[in-house]
Amino acid sequence: MEFFIPGLFIFLIAIAISFLIVPRATPLIAAVLSIVFLTFGVYQHYKMFASEYRLSTWQDRLKDYAPAIMIIAVILFIIYGIFAFFTRGSVPVPTMPNVPPVSPQSAMNTVATSVNKVVNSVSNTVSNVVNTVSNTVMGNANNGKGNNRGNNKGNNGLSRSFLETL
């Protein structure tokens, strides 16, 4: 009787946990708990049968065959993976979209247009800079200010000309 009552109590607790708590647990909790209990079980088994694990010699003959067994297992796993992904045994190849080829003339037109735009913008920038510099120099010469070290009221608060800063 001394083994029956505690065993019955553990059995009733296991039933309560199985019907009340486990259905509400997520798969992640179930996976973590199974790993924890498996680790605890292996530890307890090794602790209980430590001498048998130490004195066991039948596995020594299998050490010679371990590389071949691993290679065969990996090859079978790869074959299984191929059949799992491609059930008909053939690899599906996607179709390529039909892209019309670009003619050399249209490509050259695009390049020529781009080069012309760059040349025009550079020449416009250079002409704007030249006009600004010449207007500044000619404006200073016409005002009679010289090197602008005197009165600076005529050129918007600037005390030196553009050419003096160079």
N, C-alpha and C. Protein backbone atom coordinates (compact mmCIF):
# COMPACT_ATOMS: atom_id res chain seq x y z
N MET A 1 0.81 -1.19 0.00
CA MET A 1 0.00 0.00 0.00
C MET A 1 0.86 1.26 0.00
N GLU A 2 2.05 1.14 0.50
CA GLU A 2 2.86 2.35 0.59
C GLU A 2 3.34 2.83 -0.77
N PHE A 3 3.35 1.95 -1.82
CA PHE A 3 3.69 2.40 -3.17
C PHE A 3 2.45 2.80 -3.97
N PHE A 4 1.28 2.31 -3.57
CA PHE A 4 0.06 2.55 -4.35
C PHE A 4 -0.44 3.99 -4.22
N ILE A 5 -0.52 4.52 -3.04
CA ILE A 5 -1.10 5.86 -2.82
C ILE A 5 -0.22 6.95 -3.43
N PRO A 6 1.10 6.96 -3.22
CA PRO A 6 1.89 8.00 -3.89
C PRO A 6 1.88 7.86 -5.41
N GLY A 7 1.86 6.63 -5.91
CA GLY A 7 1.80 6.42 -7.36
C GLY A 7 0.49 6.90 -7.94
N LEU A 8 -0.60 6.62 -7.22
CA LEU A 8 -1.93 7.09 -7.65
C LEU A 8 -2.00 8.61 -7.63
N PHE A 9 -1.43 9.22 -6.61
CA PHE A 9 -1.40 10.69 -6.52
C PHE A 9 -0.62 11.29 -7.70
N ILE A 10 0.53 10.72 -8.03
CA ILE A 10 1.33 11.21 -9.17
C ILE A 10 0.56 11.02 -10.47
N PHE A 11 -0.15 9.88 -10.60
CA PHE A 11 -0.94 9.62 -11.79
C PHE A 11 -2.06 10.64 -11.94
N LEU A 12 -2.74 10.99 -10.86
CA LEU A 12 -3.82 11.98 -10.92
C LEU A 12 -3.28 13.38 -11.25
N ILE A 13 -2.14 13.72 -10.72
CA ILE A 13 -1.52 15.00 -11.05
C ILE A 13 -1.13 15.04 -12.53
N ALA A 14 -0.60 13.93 -13.05
CA ALA A 14 -0.23 13.86 -14.47
C ALA A 14 -1.46 14.02 -15.36
N ILE A 15 -2.57 13.42 -14.97
CA ILE A 15 -3.82 13.57 -15.75
C ILE A 15 -4.29 15.01 -15.72
N ALA A 16 -4.25 15.64 -14.55
CA ALA A 16 -4.68 17.04 -14.45
C ALA A 16 -3.81 17.95 -15.30
N ILE A 17 -2.52 17.73 -15.27
CA ILE A 17 -1.62 18.54 -16.10
C ILE A 17 -1.90 18.29 -17.58
N SER A 18 -2.12 17.03 -17.96
CA SER A 18 -2.36 16.69 -19.37
C SER A 18 -3.63 17.34 -19.91
N PHE A 19 -4.68 17.40 -19.09
CA PHE A 19 -5.95 17.92 -19.60
C PHE A 19 -6.16 19.40 -19.35
N LEU A 20 -5.49 19.97 -18.37
CA LEU A 20 -5.74 21.38 -18.04
C LEU A 20 -4.65 22.32 -18.54
N ILE A 21 -3.40 21.94 -18.46
CA ILE A 21 -2.30 22.87 -18.75
C ILE A 21 -1.72 22.67 -20.15
N VAL A 22 -1.50 21.43 -20.56
CA VAL A 22 -0.82 21.15 -21.83
C VAL A 22 -1.59 21.69 -23.04
N PRO A 23 -2.92 21.57 -23.12
CA PRO A 23 -3.61 22.11 -24.32
C PRO A 23 -3.46 23.62 -24.49
N ARG A 24 -3.19 24.33 -23.41
CA ARG A 24 -3.03 25.78 -23.51
C ARG A 24 -1.60 26.20 -23.82
N ALA A 25 -0.67 25.27 -23.78
CA ALA A 25 0.75 25.59 -24.03
C ALA A 25 1.00 25.71 -25.53
N THR A 26 1.94 26.55 -25.88
CA THR A 26 2.30 26.72 -27.28
C THR A 26 3.26 25.62 -27.71
N PRO A 27 3.45 25.41 -29.01
CA PRO A 27 4.42 24.41 -29.46
C PRO A 27 5.85 24.71 -29.00
N LEU A 28 6.18 25.97 -28.85
CA LEU A 28 7.52 26.32 -28.37
C LEU A 28 7.72 25.85 -26.93
N ILE A 29 6.72 26.05 -26.10
CA ILE A 29 6.82 25.59 -24.72
C ILE A 29 6.92 24.07 -24.68
N ALA A 30 6.15 23.38 -25.52
CA ALA A 30 6.21 21.92 -25.57
C ALA A 30 7.59 21.45 -26.02
N ALA A 31 8.18 22.13 -27.01
CA ALA A 31 9.51 21.74 -27.48
C ALA A 31 10.57 21.97 -26.42
N VAL A 32 10.50 23.09 -25.72
CA VAL A 32 11.49 23.38 -24.67
C VAL A 32 11.35 22.39 -23.52
N LEU A 33 10.12 22.11 -23.10
CA LEU A 33 9.92 21.14 -22.02
C LEU A 33 10.37 19.74 -22.42
N SER A 34 10.13 19.35 -23.66
CA SER A 34 10.58 18.02 -24.08
C SER A 34 12.10 17.93 -24.09
N ILE A 35 12.78 19.00 -24.50
CA ILE A 35 14.25 19.00 -24.46
C ILE A 35 14.75 18.93 -23.02
N VAL A 36 14.11 19.67 -22.12
CA VAL A 36 14.52 19.65 -20.71
C VAL A 36 14.32 18.27 -20.11
N PHE A 37 13.15 17.66 -20.33
CA PHE A 37 12.89 16.35 -19.76
C PHE A 37 13.76 15.27 -20.38
N LEU A 38 14.04 15.36 -21.68
CA LEU A 38 14.93 14.39 -22.31
C LEU A 38 16.33 14.50 -21.74
N THR A 39 16.82 15.73 -21.56
CA THR A 39 18.15 15.92 -20.97
C THR A 39 18.19 15.38 -19.54
N PHE A 40 17.16 15.64 -18.76
CA PHE A 40 17.10 15.14 -17.39
C PHE A 40 17.06 13.61 -17.37
N GLY A 41 16.30 13.00 -18.26
CA GLY A 41 16.22 11.55 -18.33
C GLY A 41 17.54 10.91 -18.72
N VAL A 42 18.23 11.50 -19.70
CA VAL A 42 19.54 10.96 -20.11
C VAL A 42 20.53 11.09 -18.96
N TYR A 43 20.51 12.22 -18.26
CA TYR A 43 21.42 12.42 -17.13
C TYR A 43 21.14 11.39 -16.03
N GLN A 44 19.88 11.18 -15.70
CA GLN A 44 19.55 10.22 -14.66
C GLN A 44 19.92 8.79 -15.07
N HIS A 45 19.71 8.46 -16.33
CA HIS A 45 20.06 7.12 -16.81
C HIS A 45 21.56 6.92 -16.75
N TYR A 46 22.33 7.91 -17.17
CA TYR A 46 23.79 7.79 -17.12
C TYR A 46 24.28 7.72 -15.67
N LYS A 47 23.64 8.49 -14.79
CA LYS A 47 24.03 8.47 -13.38
C LYS A 47 23.74 7.10 -12.75
N MET A 48 22.62 6.51 -13.12
CA MET A 48 22.24 5.23 -12.54
C MET A 48 23.09 4.07 -13.09
N PHE A 49 23.44 4.14 -14.38
CA PHE A 49 24.18 3.05 -15.01
C PHE A 49 25.57 3.51 -15.47
N ALA A 50 26.26 4.27 -14.67
CA ALA A 50 27.58 4.79 -15.05
C ALA A 50 28.60 3.67 -15.23
N SER A 51 28.56 2.68 -14.39
CA SER A 51 29.55 1.60 -14.52
C SER A 51 29.31 0.80 -15.80
N GLU A 52 28.07 0.58 -16.20
CA GLU A 52 27.81 -0.14 -17.45
C GLU A 52 28.28 0.67 -18.65
N TYR A 53 28.10 1.99 -18.60
CA TYR A 53 28.60 2.81 -19.71
C TYR A 53 30.12 2.75 -19.80
N ARG A 54 30.81 2.72 -18.64
CA ARG A 54 32.26 2.68 -18.64
C ARG A 54 32.79 1.33 -19.12
N LEU A 55 32.15 0.26 -18.76
CA LEU A 55 32.65 -1.08 -19.06
C LEU A 55 32.12 -1.65 -20.37
N SER A 56 31.25 -0.93 -21.05
CA SER A 56 30.68 -1.43 -22.30
C SER A 56 31.72 -1.41 -23.41
N THR A 57 31.91 -2.56 -24.09
CA THR A 57 32.94 -2.66 -25.14
C THR A 57 32.39 -3.06 -26.50
N TRP A 58 31.11 -3.34 -26.62
CA TRP A 58 30.61 -3.81 -27.90
C TRP A 58 30.64 -2.72 -28.97
N GLN A 59 30.71 -1.43 -28.56
CA GLN A 59 30.73 -0.34 -29.54
C GLN A 59 32.12 -0.19 -30.17
N ASP A 60 33.16 -0.74 -29.57
CA ASP A 60 34.52 -0.57 -30.08
C ASP A 60 34.67 -1.15 -31.48
N ARG A 61 33.96 -2.23 -31.79
CA ARG A 61 34.06 -2.81 -33.14
C ARG A 61 33.41 -1.93 -34.20
N LEU A 62 32.48 -1.07 -33.79
CA LEU A 62 31.79 -0.22 -34.76
C LEU A 62 32.59 1.03 -35.12
N LYS A 63 33.62 1.35 -34.34
CA LYS A 63 34.41 2.55 -34.61
C LYS A 63 35.07 2.50 -35.98
N ASP A 64 35.41 1.31 -36.46
CA ASP A 64 36.05 1.17 -37.78
C ASP A 64 35.09 1.51 -38.91
N TYR A 65 33.80 1.30 -38.69
CA TYR A 65 32.81 1.52 -39.74
C TYR A 65 32.13 2.89 -39.66
N ALA A 66 32.46 3.68 -38.69
CA ALA A 66 31.77 4.96 -38.48
C ALA A 66 31.88 5.92 -39.67
N PRO A 67 33.08 6.11 -40.30
CA PRO A 67 33.11 7.03 -41.46
C PRO A 67 32.22 6.59 -42.61
N ALA A 68 32.22 5.30 -42.91
CA ALA A 68 31.39 4.81 -44.02
C ALA A 68 29.91 4.97 -43.68
N ILE A 69 29.54 4.71 -42.45
CA ILE A 69 28.15 4.86 -42.05
C ILE A 69 27.71 6.32 -42.16
N MET A 70 28.56 7.26 -41.76
CA MET A 70 28.22 8.68 -41.86
C MET A 70 28.10 9.13 -43.31
N ILE A 71 29.02 8.68 -44.17
CA ILE A 71 28.95 9.06 -45.59
C ILE A 71 27.67 8.53 -46.21
N ILE A 72 27.32 7.28 -45.94
CA ILE A 72 26.09 6.71 -46.49
C ILE A 72 24.87 7.46 -45.95
N ALA A 73 24.87 7.81 -44.67
CA ALA A 73 23.74 8.54 -44.09
C ALA A 73 23.59 9.91 -44.73
N VAL A 74 24.71 10.61 -44.97
CA VAL A 74 24.64 11.94 -45.60
C VAL A 74 24.13 11.83 -47.04
N ILE A 75 24.60 10.83 -47.78
CA ILE A 75 24.14 10.66 -49.16
C ILE A 75 22.65 10.34 -49.19
N LEU A 76 22.20 9.47 -48.31
CA LEU A 76 20.76 9.17 -48.26
C LEU A 76 19.93 10.39 -47.86
N PHE A 77 20.46 11.20 -46.96
CA PHE A 77 19.75 12.42 -46.57
C PHE A 77 19.66 13.39 -47.74
N ILE A 78 20.72 13.52 -48.51
CA ILE A 78 20.70 14.41 -49.68
C ILE A 78 19.70 13.92 -50.72
N ILE A 79 19.71 12.62 -50.97
CA ILE A 79 18.74 12.06 -51.94
C ILE A 79 17.31 12.27 -51.45
N TYR A 80 17.08 12.06 -50.16
CA TYR A 80 15.75 12.31 -49.60
C TYR A 80 15.35 13.79 -49.76
N GLY A 81 16.31 14.69 -49.51
CA GLY A 81 16.03 16.11 -49.66
C GLY A 81 15.67 16.48 -51.09
N ILE A 82 16.38 15.89 -52.05
CA ILE A 82 16.08 16.17 -53.46
C ILE A 82 14.68 15.68 -53.80
N PHE A 83 14.34 14.47 -53.37
CA PHE A 83 13.01 13.96 -53.67
C PHE A 83 11.92 14.71 -52.91
N ALA A 84 12.24 15.23 -51.76
CA ALA A 84 11.24 15.99 -51.00
C ALA A 84 10.95 17.33 -51.67
N PHE A 85 11.98 17.98 -52.22
CA PHE A 85 11.77 19.26 -52.88
C PHE A 85 11.19 19.10 -54.27
N PHE A 86 11.65 18.12 -55.00
CA PHE A 86 11.24 17.93 -56.39
C PHE A 86 10.61 16.55 -56.50
N THR A 87 9.30 16.48 -56.34
CA THR A 87 8.63 15.19 -56.24
C THR A 87 8.65 14.40 -57.53
N ARG A 88 8.77 15.03 -58.66
CA ARG A 88 8.78 14.31 -59.92
C ARG A 88 10.19 13.93 -60.37
N GLY A 89 11.18 14.30 -59.60
CA GLY A 89 12.55 13.92 -59.95
C GLY A 89 13.21 14.88 -60.92
N SER A 90 12.52 15.95 -61.30
CA SER A 90 13.11 16.92 -62.22
C SER A 90 13.13 18.28 -61.54
N VAL A 91 14.11 19.05 -61.91
CA VAL A 91 14.26 20.39 -61.33
C VAL A 91 13.47 21.37 -62.17
N PRO A 92 12.53 22.14 -61.57
CA PRO A 92 11.77 23.11 -62.35
C PRO A 92 12.65 24.31 -62.72
N VAL A 93 12.64 24.63 -64.00
CA VAL A 93 13.42 25.77 -64.48
C VAL A 93 12.45 26.89 -64.84
N PRO A 94 12.58 28.06 -64.22
CA PRO A 94 11.65 29.15 -64.54
C PRO A 94 11.91 29.68 -65.95
N THR A 95 10.86 30.20 -66.56
CA THR A 95 11.00 30.76 -67.90
C THR A 95 11.56 32.17 -67.80
N MET A 96 12.43 32.50 -68.73
CA MET A 96 13.03 33.83 -68.77
C MET A 96 12.11 34.78 -69.53
N PRO A 97 11.97 36.01 -69.10
CA PRO A 97 11.14 36.96 -69.84
C PRO A 97 11.79 37.30 -71.18
N ASN A 98 10.96 37.57 -72.17
CA ASN A 98 11.46 37.89 -73.51
C ASN A 98 11.78 39.39 -73.56
N VAL A 99 13.07 39.71 -73.52
CA VAL A 99 13.51 41.10 -73.56
C VAL A 99 14.02 41.40 -74.97
N PRO A 100 13.44 42.41 -75.65
CA PRO A 100 13.91 42.71 -77.00
C PRO A 100 15.33 43.29 -76.95
N PRO A 101 16.16 42.92 -77.91
CA PRO A 101 17.53 43.44 -77.91
C PRO A 101 17.56 44.93 -78.27
N VAL A 102 18.54 45.64 -77.73
CA VAL A 102 18.71 47.06 -78.00
C VAL A 102 19.59 47.21 -79.23
N SER A 103 19.14 48.04 -80.18
CA SER A 103 19.94 48.23 -81.39
C SER A 103 21.14 49.12 -81.09
N PRO A 104 22.26 48.93 -81.79
CA PRO A 104 23.43 49.76 -81.55
C PRO A 104 23.17 51.25 -81.83
N GLN A 105 22.29 51.53 -82.80
CA GLN A 105 22.01 52.92 -83.16
C GLN A 105 21.31 53.63 -82.01
N SER A 106 20.33 52.97 -81.36
CA SER A 106 19.63 53.63 -80.25
C SER A 106 20.55 53.78 -79.05
N ALA A 107 21.45 52.82 -78.84
CA ALA A 107 22.41 52.96 -77.74
C ALA A 107 23.35 54.13 -77.99
N MET A 108 23.83 54.29 -79.21
CA MET A 108 24.72 55.41 -79.53
C MET A 108 23.98 56.74 -79.43
N ASN A 109 22.69 56.75 -79.82
CA ASN A 109 21.91 57.98 -79.68
C ASN A 109 21.80 58.39 -78.21
N THR A 110 21.58 57.43 -77.35
CA THR A 110 21.47 57.72 -75.91
C THR A 110 22.79 58.27 -75.38
N VAL A 111 23.91 57.64 -75.76
CA VAL A 111 25.22 58.10 -75.30
C VAL A 111 25.51 59.50 -75.84
N ALA A 112 25.22 59.74 -77.13
CA ALA A 112 25.48 61.04 -77.74
C ALA A 112 24.63 62.13 -77.07
N THR A 113 23.38 61.83 -76.77
CA THR A 113 22.52 62.80 -76.10
C THR A 113 23.06 63.14 -74.71
N SER A 114 23.52 62.13 -73.98
CA SER A 114 24.08 62.37 -72.65
C SER A 114 25.34 63.22 -72.71
N VAL A 115 26.22 62.92 -73.67
CA VAL A 115 27.46 63.70 -73.81
C VAL A 115 27.14 65.14 -74.19
N ASN A 116 26.18 65.34 -75.09
CA ASN A 116 25.81 66.70 -75.49
C ASN A 116 25.25 67.49 -74.30
N LYS A 117 24.45 66.84 -73.46
CA LYS A 117 23.91 67.54 -72.29
C LYS A 117 25.02 67.94 -71.33
N VAL A 118 26.01 67.05 -71.13
CA VAL A 118 27.13 67.38 -70.24
C VAL A 118 27.93 68.54 -70.80
N VAL A 119 28.22 68.52 -72.12
CA VAL A 119 29.01 69.59 -72.74
C VAL A 119 28.26 70.91 -72.65
N ASN A 120 26.96 70.90 -72.91
CA ASN A 120 26.17 72.14 -72.83
C ASN A 120 26.15 72.70 -71.41
N SER A 121 25.98 71.84 -70.40
CA SER A 121 25.94 72.36 -69.04
C SER A 121 27.30 72.88 -68.60
N VAL A 122 28.40 72.24 -69.02
CA VAL A 122 29.73 72.75 -68.67
C VAL A 122 29.98 74.09 -69.36
N SER A 123 29.61 74.19 -70.64
CA SER A 123 29.84 75.46 -71.35
C SER A 123 28.97 76.57 -70.77
N ASN A 124 27.74 76.27 -70.37
CA ASN A 124 26.88 77.28 -69.74
C ASN A 124 27.47 77.73 -68.40
N THR A 125 28.00 76.80 -67.64
CA THR A 125 28.60 77.15 -66.35
C THR A 125 29.82 78.03 -66.54
N VAL A 126 30.68 77.66 -67.52
CA VAL A 126 31.88 78.46 -67.77
C VAL A 126 31.50 79.85 -68.25
N SER A 127 30.53 79.96 -69.16
CA SER A 127 30.14 81.28 -69.65
C SER A 127 29.52 82.13 -68.53
N ASN A 128 28.76 81.52 -67.63
CA ASN A 128 28.20 82.27 -66.49
C ASN A 128 29.30 82.78 -65.57
N VAL A 129 30.31 81.95 -65.32
CA VAL A 129 31.41 82.38 -64.46
C VAL A 129 32.18 83.51 -65.12
N VAL A 130 32.45 83.39 -66.44
CA VAL A 130 33.18 84.44 -67.15
C VAL A 130 32.39 85.74 -67.14
N ASN A 131 31.09 85.67 -67.38
CA ASN A 131 30.26 86.88 -67.36
C ASN A 131 30.24 87.52 -65.98
N THR A 132 30.15 86.71 -64.93
CA THR A 132 30.12 87.25 -63.57
C THR A 132 31.43 87.92 -63.22
N VAL A 133 32.54 87.26 -63.58
CA VAL A 133 33.85 87.84 -63.27
C VAL A 133 34.08 89.11 -64.06
N SER A 134 33.74 89.11 -65.35
CA SER A 134 33.97 90.30 -66.16
C SER A 134 33.07 91.45 -65.71
N ASN A 135 31.83 91.16 -65.34
CA ASN A 135 30.94 92.20 -64.84
C ASN A 135 31.46 92.79 -63.53
N THR A 136 32.00 91.93 -62.67
CA THR A 136 32.54 92.41 -61.40
C THR A 136 33.75 93.28 -61.63
N VAL A 137 34.66 92.84 -62.50
CA VAL A 137 35.87 93.60 -62.77
C VAL A 137 35.53 94.91 -63.47
N MET A 138 34.65 94.83 -64.47
CA MET A 138 34.29 96.04 -65.20
C MET A 138 33.48 96.99 -64.31
N GLY A 139 32.65 96.43 -63.44
CA GLY A 139 31.89 97.29 -62.54
C GLY A 139 32.81 98.01 -61.57
N ASN A 140 33.85 97.35 -61.08
CA ASN A 140 34.80 97.98 -60.16
C ASN A 140 35.64 99.03 -60.88
N ALA A 141 35.99 98.73 -62.13
CA ALA A 141 36.80 99.69 -62.88
C ALA A 141 35.99 100.93 -63.22
N ASN A 142 34.73 100.76 -63.54
CA ASN A 142 33.88 101.90 -63.89
C ASN A 142 33.55 102.75 -62.67
N ASN A 143 33.46 102.13 -61.52
CA ASN A 143 33.14 102.90 -60.31
C ASN A 143 34.34 103.67 -59.81
N GLY A 144 35.52 103.27 -60.23
CA GLY A 144 36.72 103.95 -59.80
C GLY A 144 37.14 103.56 -58.40
N LYS A 145 36.70 102.47 -57.94
CA LYS A 145 37.02 102.06 -56.59
C LYS A 145 38.40 101.44 -56.51
N GLY A 146 38.90 100.88 -57.58
CA GLY A 146 40.24 100.30 -57.56
C GLY A 146 40.24 98.94 -56.87
N ASN A 147 40.98 98.89 -55.79
CA ASN A 147 41.09 97.60 -55.11
C ASN A 147 40.10 97.46 -53.95
N ASN A 148 39.14 98.34 -53.83
CA ASN A 148 38.07 98.27 -52.84
C ASN A 148 38.57 98.33 -51.41
N ARG A 149 39.67 98.97 -51.16
CA ARG A 149 40.13 99.05 -49.78
C ARG A 149 39.63 100.33 -49.10
N GLY A 150 38.99 101.11 -49.84
CA GLY A 150 38.50 102.36 -49.27
C GLY A 150 37.05 102.20 -48.84
N ASN A 151 36.18 102.99 -49.43
CA ASN A 151 34.77 102.99 -49.11
C ASN A 151 34.12 101.73 -49.68
N ASN A 152 33.42 100.97 -48.85
CA ASN A 152 32.82 99.73 -49.33
C ASN A 152 31.30 99.81 -49.42
N LYS A 153 30.73 100.97 -49.52
CA LYS A 153 29.28 101.10 -49.58
C LYS A 153 28.74 100.78 -50.96
N GLY A 154 29.52 100.84 -52.01
CA GLY A 154 29.04 100.65 -53.37
C GLY A 154 28.94 99.20 -53.78
N ASN A 155 29.54 98.27 -53.06
CA ASN A 155 29.49 96.87 -53.51
C ASN A 155 28.91 95.96 -52.43
N ASN A 156 27.77 96.31 -51.90
CA ASN A 156 26.96 95.50 -51.00
C ASN A 156 27.70 95.01 -49.77
N GLY A 157 28.53 95.81 -49.18
CA GLY A 157 29.18 95.46 -47.95
C GLY A 157 30.44 94.64 -48.12
N LEU A 158 30.87 94.35 -49.35
CA LEU A 158 32.09 93.59 -49.57
C LEU A 158 33.26 94.55 -49.56
N SER A 159 34.34 94.15 -48.91
CA SER A 159 35.47 95.05 -48.84
C SER A 159 36.55 94.70 -49.85
N ARG A 160 36.47 93.51 -50.45
CA ARG A 160 37.48 93.11 -51.43
C ARG A 160 36.80 92.57 -52.67
N SER A 161 37.45 92.65 -53.78
CA SER A 161 36.86 92.13 -55.01
C SER A 161 37.13 90.65 -55.12
N PHE A 162 36.49 90.01 -56.07
CA PHE A 162 36.64 88.59 -56.32
C PHE A 162 38.05 88.24 -56.69
N LEU A 163 38.71 89.08 -57.51
CA LEU A 163 40.07 88.79 -57.96
C LEU A 163 41.09 88.94 -56.84
N GLU A 164 40.84 89.76 -55.85
CA GLU A 164 41.78 89.91 -54.75
C GLU A 164 41.80 88.67 -53.86
N THR A 165 40.69 87.94 -53.79
CA THR A 165 40.67 86.76 -52.97
C THR A 165 41.48 85.62 -53.58
N LEU A 166 41.73 85.69 -54.88
CA LEU A 166 42.53 84.65 -55.53
C LEU A 166 43.96 84.94 -55.25
